[in-house]
Amino acid sequence: MSATADHAEERTNPAARLGFEPGQVVQEIGYDDDVEQELREGIESVIGQDLVDEDYDDVADVVLLWFREDDGDLTDALVDAIGLIDEGAPVWLLTPKTGRDGYVEPSDINEAAQTAGLSQTKSINAGKDWTGSRLVTPKAAKSGKR
Protein backbone atom coordinates (compact mmCIF):
# COMPACT_ATOMS: atom_id res chain seq x y z
CA MET A 1 0.00 0.00 0.00
CA SER A 2 1.32 3.44 -0.82
CA ALA A 3 1.88 6.16 1.76
CA THR A 4 -1.06 8.06 0.25
CA ALA A 5 -3.31 5.02 0.59
CA ASP A 6 -2.14 4.55 4.19
CA HIS A 7 -3.13 8.13 5.02
CA ALA A 8 -6.50 7.70 3.30
CA GLU A 9 -7.19 4.58 5.36
CA GLU A 10 -6.26 6.43 8.56
CA ARG A 11 -8.90 9.05 7.76
CA THR A 12 -11.63 6.55 6.85
CA ASN A 13 -10.83 3.77 9.34
CA PRO A 14 -10.21 5.04 12.87
CA ALA A 15 -8.71 1.65 13.80
CA ALA A 16 -5.78 2.30 11.43
CA ARG A 17 -4.58 5.10 13.75
CA LEU A 18 -4.46 2.69 16.70
CA GLY A 19 -1.76 0.45 15.23
CA PHE A 20 -3.72 -2.78 14.95
CA GLU A 21 -2.25 -5.42 12.64
CA PRO A 22 -3.68 -8.36 10.68
CA GLY A 23 -3.92 -11.56 12.70
CA GLN A 24 -3.87 -9.94 16.13
CA VAL A 25 -6.16 -11.27 18.84
CA VAL A 26 -7.95 -8.28 20.37
CA GLN A 27 -9.84 -8.90 23.60
CA GLU A 28 -12.67 -6.47 24.24
CA ILE A 29 -13.76 -5.67 27.79
CA GLY A 30 -16.58 -3.38 28.88
CA TYR A 31 -18.69 -3.68 25.73
CA ASP A 32 -22.13 -2.05 25.98
CA ASP A 33 -24.67 -0.41 23.68
CA ASP A 34 -22.84 2.93 23.85
CA VAL A 35 -19.51 1.81 22.36
CA GLU A 36 -18.22 3.18 19.06
CA GLN A 37 -19.43 0.54 16.59
CA GLU A 38 -17.51 2.07 13.67
CA LEU A 39 -14.25 1.71 15.61
CA ARG A 40 -15.02 -1.91 16.53
CA GLU A 41 -15.83 -2.77 12.91
CA GLY A 42 -12.67 -0.98 11.75
CA ILE A 43 -10.53 -3.00 14.16
CA GLU A 44 -12.14 -6.25 12.98
CA SER A 45 -11.48 -5.20 9.39
CA VAL A 46 -7.78 -4.58 10.13
CA ILE A 47 -7.18 -7.74 12.19
CA GLY A 48 -9.24 -9.92 9.84
CA GLN A 49 -11.34 -11.53 12.57
CA ASP A 50 -13.90 -10.81 15.27
CA LEU A 51 -12.91 -9.25 18.57
CA VAL A 52 -12.87 -11.80 21.39
CA ASP A 53 -14.91 -11.13 24.51
CA GLU A 54 -14.24 -11.17 28.24
CA ASP A 55 -14.57 -14.98 28.35
CA TYR A 56 -11.59 -15.58 26.03
CA ASP A 57 -9.19 -17.82 27.95
CA ASP A 58 -5.88 -17.37 26.12
CA VAL A 59 -3.38 -14.51 25.93
CA ALA A 60 -4.49 -11.62 23.70
CA ASP A 61 -2.23 -9.37 21.63
CA VAL A 62 -4.17 -6.24 22.62
CA VAL A 63 -6.89 -5.42 25.15
CA LEU A 64 -9.60 -2.95 24.17
CA LEU A 65 -11.07 -1.66 27.45
CA TRP A 66 -14.24 0.45 27.27
CA PHE A 67 -14.49 2.22 30.63
CA ARG A 68 -17.01 4.67 32.05
CA GLU A 69 -16.83 6.57 35.35
CA ASP A 70 -19.44 4.32 37.00
CA ASP A 71 -17.85 1.03 35.84
CA GLY A 72 -16.00 0.54 39.13
CA ASP A 73 -12.34 1.01 39.96
CA LEU A 74 -10.21 1.91 36.93
CA THR A 75 -6.97 0.73 38.53
CA ASP A 76 -8.49 -2.71 39.16
CA ALA A 77 -9.78 -2.86 35.58
CA LEU A 78 -6.32 -2.00 34.22
CA VAL A 79 -4.58 -4.57 36.45
CA ASP A 80 -7.05 -7.20 35.23
CA ALA A 81 -6.39 -6.16 31.61
CA ILE A 82 -2.61 -6.51 32.07
CA GLY A 83 -3.14 -10.12 33.08
CA LEU A 84 -4.72 -10.85 29.69
CA ILE A 85 -1.78 -9.79 27.50
CA ASP A 86 1.92 -10.51 27.00
CA GLU A 87 4.67 -8.23 28.25
CA GLY A 88 4.86 -5.00 26.28
CA ALA A 89 1.45 -5.49 24.61
CA PRO A 90 -0.86 -2.47 24.68
CA VAL A 91 -4.10 -1.84 26.50
CA TRP A 92 -6.30 0.62 24.65
CA LEU A 93 -8.38 2.39 27.28
CA LEU A 94 -11.45 3.96 25.73
CA THR A 95 -13.36 6.50 27.81
CA PRO A 96 -16.23 8.87 26.99
CA LYS A 97 -15.23 12.32 25.81
CA THR A 98 -15.63 15.44 27.97
CA GLY A 99 -19.29 16.21 28.56
CA ARG A 100 -20.50 12.68 27.72
CA ASP A 101 -22.12 10.35 30.26
CA GLY A 102 -19.43 8.36 32.04
CA TYR A 103 -16.61 10.85 31.35
CA VAL A 104 -13.39 9.98 33.22
CA GLU A 105 -11.00 12.78 34.20
CA PRO A 106 -7.58 12.57 32.48
CA SER A 107 -5.91 12.90 35.89
CA ASP A 108 -7.85 9.82 37.07
CA ILE A 109 -6.69 7.88 33.99
CA ASN A 110 -3.09 8.93 34.56
CA GLU A 111 -3.18 8.03 38.26
CA ALA A 112 -4.84 4.63 37.64
CA ALA A 113 -2.40 3.81 34.83
CA GLN A 114 0.62 4.64 36.99
CA THR A 115 -0.75 2.67 39.95
CA ALA A 116 -1.32 -0.32 37.64
CA GLY A 117 2.26 -0.03 36.34
CA LEU A 118 1.34 1.31 32.91
CA SER A 119 2.63 4.24 30.89
CA GLN A 120 0.46 6.24 28.52
CA THR A 121 2.11 6.45 25.12
CA LYS A 122 -0.59 7.96 22.93
CA SER A 123 -4.05 9.55 23.05
CA ILE A 124 -6.43 9.62 20.11
CA ASN A 125 -9.90 10.66 19.11
CA ALA A 126 -11.56 7.22 18.94
CA GLY A 127 -14.86 8.37 17.45
CA LYS A 128 -17.72 10.75 18.03
CA ASP A 129 -18.11 10.02 21.74
CA TRP A 130 -14.88 8.26 22.80
CA THR A 131 -11.23 9.06 23.49
CA GLY A 132 -8.53 6.38 23.43
CA SER A 133 -5.41 6.14 25.58
CA ARG A 134 -2.71 3.64 24.61
CA LEU A 135 -1.18 2.18 27.76
CA VAL A 136 1.79 -0.18 27.93
CA THR A 137 3.80 -1.93 30.59
CA PRO A 138 7.47 -1.05 30.87
CA LYS A 139 9.18 -4.14 29.40
CA ALA A 140 12.06 -4.23 31.89
CA ALA A 141 9.69 -4.15 34.86
CA LYS A 142 7.66 -7.15 33.65
CA SER A 143 10.60 -9.24 32.49
CA GLY A 144 12.25 -9.08 35.90
CA LYS A 145 15.37 -7.23 34.69
CA ARG A 146 16.91 -4.97 37.29
C-alpha atoms as a PDB file:
ATOM      1  CA  MET A   1       0.000   0.000   0.000  1.00  0.00           C
ATOM      2  CA  SER A   2       1.317   3.440  -0.816  1.00  0.00           C
ATOM      3  CA  ALA A   3       1.881   6.165   1.761  1.00  0.00           C
ATOM      4  CA  THR A   4      -1.062   8.058   0.251  1.00  0.00           C
ATOM      5  CA  ALA A   5      -3.306   5.024   0.589  1.00  0.00           C
ATOM      6  CA  ASP A   6      -2.144   4.551   4.191  1.00  0.00           C
ATOM      7  CA  HIS A   7      -3.128   8.133   5.017  1.00  0.00           C
ATOM      8  CA  ALA A   8      -6.498   7.702   3.297  1.00  0.00           C
ATOM      9  CA  GLU A   9      -7.188   4.584   5.358  1.00  0.00           C
ATOM     10  CA  GLU A  10      -6.261   6.431   8.563  1.00  0.00           C
ATOM     11  CA  ARG A  11      -8.901   9.051   7.758  1.00  0.00           C
ATOM     12  CA  THR A  12     -11.629   6.546   6.847  1.00  0.00           C
ATOM     13  CA  ASN A  13     -10.828   3.766   9.335  1.00  0.00           C
ATOM     14  CA  PRO A  14     -10.211   5.039  12.869  1.00  0.00           C
ATOM     15  CA  ALA A  15      -8.710   1.651  13.796  1.00  0.00           C
ATOM     16  CA  ALA A  16      -5.782   2.298  11.433  1.00  0.00           C
ATOM     17  CA  ARG A  17      -4.578   5.101  13.753  1.00  0.00           C
ATOM     18  CA  LEU A  18      -4.457   2.694  16.702  1.00  0.00           C
ATOM     19  CA  GLY A  19      -1.764   0.446  15.234  1.00  0.00           C
ATOM     20  CA  PHE A  20      -3.725  -2.782  14.945  1.00  0.00           C
ATOM     21  CA  GLU A  21      -2.255  -5.422  12.641  1.00  0.00           C
ATOM     22  CA  PRO A  22      -3.682  -8.357  10.677  1.00  0.00           C
ATOM     23  CA  GLY A  23      -3.921 -11.560  12.695  1.00  0.00           C
ATOM     24  CA  GLN A  24      -3.867  -9.936  16.125  1.00  0.00           C
ATOM     25  CA  VAL A  25      -6.158 -11.266  18.840  1.00  0.00           C
ATOM     26  CA  VAL A  26      -7.951  -8.277  20.372  1.00  0.00           C
ATOM     27  CA  GLN A  27      -9.842  -8.903  23.598  1.00  0.00           C
ATOM     28  CA  GLU A  28     -12.667  -6.466  24.244  1.00  0.00           C
ATOM     29  CA  ILE A  29     -13.763  -5.671  27.788  1.00  0.00           C
ATOM     30  CA  GLY A  30     -16.585  -3.377  28.882  1.00  0.00           C
ATOM     31  CA  TYR A  31     -18.694  -3.682  25.731  1.00  0.00           C
ATOM     32  CA  ASP A  32     -22.131  -2.052  25.982  1.00  0.00           C
ATOM     33  CA  ASP A  33     -24.669  -0.411  23.679  1.00  0.00           C
ATOM     34  CA  ASP A  34     -22.838   2.934  23.855  1.00  0.00           C
ATOM     35  CA  VAL A  35     -19.506   1.812  22.362  1.00  0.00           C
ATOM     36  CA  GLU A  36     -18.221   3.180  19.057  1.00  0.00           C
ATOM     37  CA  GLN A  37     -19.427   0.538  16.586  1.00  0.00           C
ATOM     38  CA  GLU A  38     -17.506   2.070  13.673  1.00  0.00           C
ATOM     39  CA  LEU A  39     -14.247   1.714  15.611  1.00  0.00           C
ATOM     40  CA  ARG A  40     -15.018  -1.911  16.533  1.00  0.00           C
ATOM     41  CA  GLU A  41     -15.829  -2.765  12.909  1.00  0.00           C
ATOM     42  CA  GLY A  42     -12.673  -0.984  11.752  1.00  0.00           C
ATOM     43  CA  ILE A  43     -10.531  -2.997  14.162  1.00  0.00           C
ATOM     44  CA  GLU A  44     -12.137  -6.253  12.982  1.00  0.00           C
ATOM     45  CA  SER A  45     -11.482  -5.196   9.395  1.00  0.00           C
ATOM     46  CA  VAL A  46      -7.784  -4.579  10.128  1.00  0.00           C
ATOM     47  CA  ILE A  47      -7.180  -7.735  12.194  1.00  0.00           C
ATOM     48  CA  GLY A  48      -9.239  -9.916   9.843  1.00  0.00           C
ATOM     49  CA  GLN A  49     -11.341 -11.534  12.569  1.00  0.00           C
ATOM     50  CA  ASP A  50     -13.898 -10.805  15.271  1.00  0.00           C
ATOM     51  CA  LEU A  51     -12.910  -9.251  18.569  1.00  0.00           C
ATOM     52  CA  VAL A  52     -12.868 -11.801  21.387  1.00  0.00           C
ATOM     53  CA  ASP A  53     -14.906 -11.132  24.511  1.00  0.00           C
ATOM     54  CA  GLU A  54     -14.239 -11.172  28.241  1.00  0.00           C
ATOM     55  CA  ASP A  55     -14.567 -14.977  28.352  1.00  0.00           C
ATOM     56  CA  TYR A  56     -11.593 -15.578  26.031  1.00  0.00           C
ATOM     57  CA  ASP A  57      -9.195 -17.818  27.945  1.00  0.00           C
ATOM     58  CA  ASP A  58      -5.879 -17.374  26.123  1.00  0.00           C
ATOM     59  CA  VAL A  59      -3.379 -14.508  25.930  1.00  0.00           C
ATOM     60  CA  ALA A  60      -4.487 -11.625  23.703  1.00  0.00           C
ATOM     61  CA  ASP A  61      -2.233  -9.367  21.629  1.00  0.00           C
ATOM     62  CA  VAL A  62      -4.165  -6.237  22.619  1.00  0.00           C
ATOM     63  CA  VAL A  63      -6.891  -5.417  25.150  1.00  0.00           C
ATOM     64  CA  LEU A  64      -9.597  -2.947  24.169  1.00  0.00           C
ATOM     65  CA  LEU A  65     -11.069  -1.657  27.446  1.00  0.00           C
ATOM     66  CA  TRP A  66     -14.242   0.454  27.268  1.00  0.00           C
ATOM     67  CA  PHE A  67     -14.491   2.219  30.634  1.00  0.00           C
ATOM     68  CA  ARG A  68     -17.011   4.671  32.051  1.00  0.00           C
ATOM     69  CA  GLU A  69     -16.827   6.570  35.348  1.00  0.00           C
ATOM     70  CA  ASP A  70     -19.445   4.319  36.998  1.00  0.00           C
ATOM     71  CA  ASP A  71     -17.845   1.030  35.836  1.00  0.00           C
ATOM     72  CA  GLY A  72     -15.996   0.542  39.127  1.00  0.00           C
ATOM     73  CA  ASP A  73     -12.342   1.012  39.955  1.00  0.00           C
ATOM     74  CA  LEU A  74     -10.214   1.915  36.929  1.00  0.00           C
ATOM     75  CA  THR A  75      -6.967   0.728  38.529  1.00  0.00           C
ATOM     76  CA  ASP A  76      -8.492  -2.712  39.161  1.00  0.00           C
ATOM     77  CA  ALA A  77      -9.784  -2.861  35.578  1.00  0.00           C
ATOM     78  CA  LEU A  78      -6.319  -2.002  34.224  1.00  0.00           C
ATOM     79  CA  VAL A  79      -4.584  -4.565  36.454  1.00  0.00           C
ATOM     80  CA  ASP A  80      -7.049  -7.200  35.232  1.00  0.00           C
ATOM     81  CA  ALA A  81      -6.388  -6.164  31.607  1.00  0.00           C
ATOM     82  CA  ILE A  82      -2.606  -6.505  32.068  1.00  0.00           C
ATOM     83  CA  GLY A  83      -3.143 -10.121  33.084  1.00  0.00           C
ATOM     84  CA  LEU A  84      -4.719 -10.850  29.692  1.00  0.00           C
ATOM     85  CA  ILE A  85      -1.782  -9.794  27.502  1.00  0.00           C
ATOM     86  CA  ASP A  86       1.921 -10.507  27.002  1.00  0.00           C
ATOM     87  CA  GLU A  87       4.671  -8.227  28.252  1.00  0.00           C
ATOM     88  CA  GLY A  88       4.858  -5.001  26.275  1.00  0.00           C
ATOM     89  CA  ALA A  89       1.450  -5.492  24.608  1.00  0.00           C
ATOM     90  CA  PRO A  90      -0.859  -2.470  24.676  1.00  0.00           C
ATOM     91  CA  VAL A  91      -4.099  -1.836  26.503  1.00  0.00           C
ATOM     92  CA  TRP A  92      -6.295   0.622  24.647  1.00  0.00           C
ATOM     93  CA  LEU A  93      -8.383   2.387  27.285  1.00  0.00           C
ATOM     94  CA  LEU A  94     -11.451   3.964  25.729  1.00  0.00           C
ATOM     95  CA  THR A  95     -13.364   6.497  27.808  1.00  0.00           C
ATOM     96  CA  PRO A  96     -16.232   8.869  26.985  1.00  0.00           C
ATOM     97  CA  LYS A  97     -15.225  12.324  25.809  1.00  0.00           C
ATOM     98  CA  THR A  98     -15.630  15.437  27.970  1.00  0.00           C
ATOM     99  CA  GLY A  99     -19.288  16.206  28.563  1.00  0.00           C
ATOM    100  CA  ARG A 100     -20.500  12.683  27.718  1.00  0.00           C
ATOM    101  CA  ASP A 101     -22.116  10.353  30.255  1.00  0.00           C
ATOM    102  CA  GLY A 102     -19.434   8.355  32.036  1.00  0.00           C
ATOM    103  CA  TYR A 103     -16.609  10.845  31.350  1.00  0.00           C
ATOM    104  CA  VAL A 104     -13.389   9.984  33.216  1.00  0.00           C
ATOM    105  CA  GLU A 105     -11.000  12.783  34.202  1.00  0.00           C
ATOM    106  CA  PRO A 106      -7.579  12.575  32.479  1.00  0.00           C
ATOM    107  CA  SER A 107      -5.908  12.898  35.889  1.00  0.00           C
ATOM    108  CA  ASP A 108      -7.846   9.815  37.070  1.00  0.00           C
ATOM    109  CA  ILE A 109      -6.689   7.884  33.987  1.00  0.00           C
ATOM    110  CA  ASN A 110      -3.085   8.931  34.564  1.00  0.00           C
ATOM    111  CA  GLU A 111      -3.182   8.029  38.259  1.00  0.00           C
ATOM    112  CA  ALA A 112      -4.843   4.632  37.639  1.00  0.00           C
ATOM    113  CA  ALA A 113      -2.403   3.806  34.829  1.00  0.00           C
ATOM    114  CA  GLN A 114       0.619   4.641  36.986  1.00  0.00           C
ATOM    115  CA  THR A 115      -0.749   2.670  39.946  1.00  0.00           C
ATOM    116  CA  ALA A 116      -1.319  -0.321  37.641  1.00  0.00           C
ATOM    117  CA  GLY A 117       2.262  -0.026  36.345  1.00  0.00           C
ATOM    118  CA  LEU A 118       1.344   1.307  32.911  1.00  0.00           C
ATOM    119  CA  SER A 119       2.625   4.236  30.885  1.00  0.00           C
ATOM    120  CA  GLN A 120       0.458   6.245  28.524  1.00  0.00           C
ATOM    121  CA  THR A 121       2.111   6.454  25.116  1.00  0.00           C
ATOM    122  CA  LYS A 122      -0.590   7.962  22.934  1.00  0.00           C
ATOM    123  CA  SER A 123      -4.052   9.553  23.050  1.00  0.00           C
ATOM    124  CA  ILE A 124      -6.425   9.624  20.114  1.00  0.00           C
ATOM    125  CA  ASN A 125      -9.897  10.657  19.108  1.00  0.00           C
ATOM    126  CA  ALA A 126     -11.560   7.221  18.939  1.00  0.00           C
ATOM    127  CA  GLY A 127     -14.858   8.369  17.455  1.00  0.00           C
ATOM    128  CA  LYS A 128     -17.718  10.753  18.028  1.00  0.00           C
ATOM    129  CA  ASP A 129     -18.105  10.020  21.742  1.00  0.00           C
ATOM    130  CA  TRP A 130     -14.884   8.260  22.802  1.00  0.00           C
ATOM    131  CA  THR A 131     -11.233   9.057  23.493  1.00  0.00           C
ATOM    132  CA  GLY A 132      -8.534   6.384  23.428  1.00  0.00           C
ATOM    133  CA  SER A 133      -5.406   6.138  25.577  1.00  0.00           C
ATOM    134  CA  ARG A 134      -2.707   3.637  24.606  1.00  0.00           C
ATOM    135  CA  LEU A 135      -1.176   2.182  27.761  1.00  0.00           C
ATOM    136  CA  VAL A 136       1.794  -0.183  27.927  1.00  0.00           C
ATOM    137  CA  THR A 137       3.804  -1.931  30.595  1.00  0.00           C
ATOM    138  CA  PRO A 138       7.466  -1.046  30.874  1.00  0.00           C
ATOM    139  CA  LYS A 139       9.176  -4.136  29.402  1.00  0.00           C
ATOM    140  CA  ALA A 140      12.055  -4.229  31.891  1.00  0.00           C
ATOM    141  CA  ALA A 141       9.688  -4.150  34.859  1.00  0.00           C
ATOM    142  CA  LYS A 142       7.665  -7.146  33.654  1.00  0.00           C
ATOM    143  CA  SER A 143      10.602  -9.235  32.494  1.00  0.00           C
ATOM    144  CA  GLY A 144      12.252  -9.077  35.904  1.00  0.00           C
ATOM    145  CA  LYS A 145      15.370  -7.225  34.694  1.00  0.00           C
ATOM    146  CA  ARG A 146      16.906  -4.969  37.289  1.00  0.00           C
END
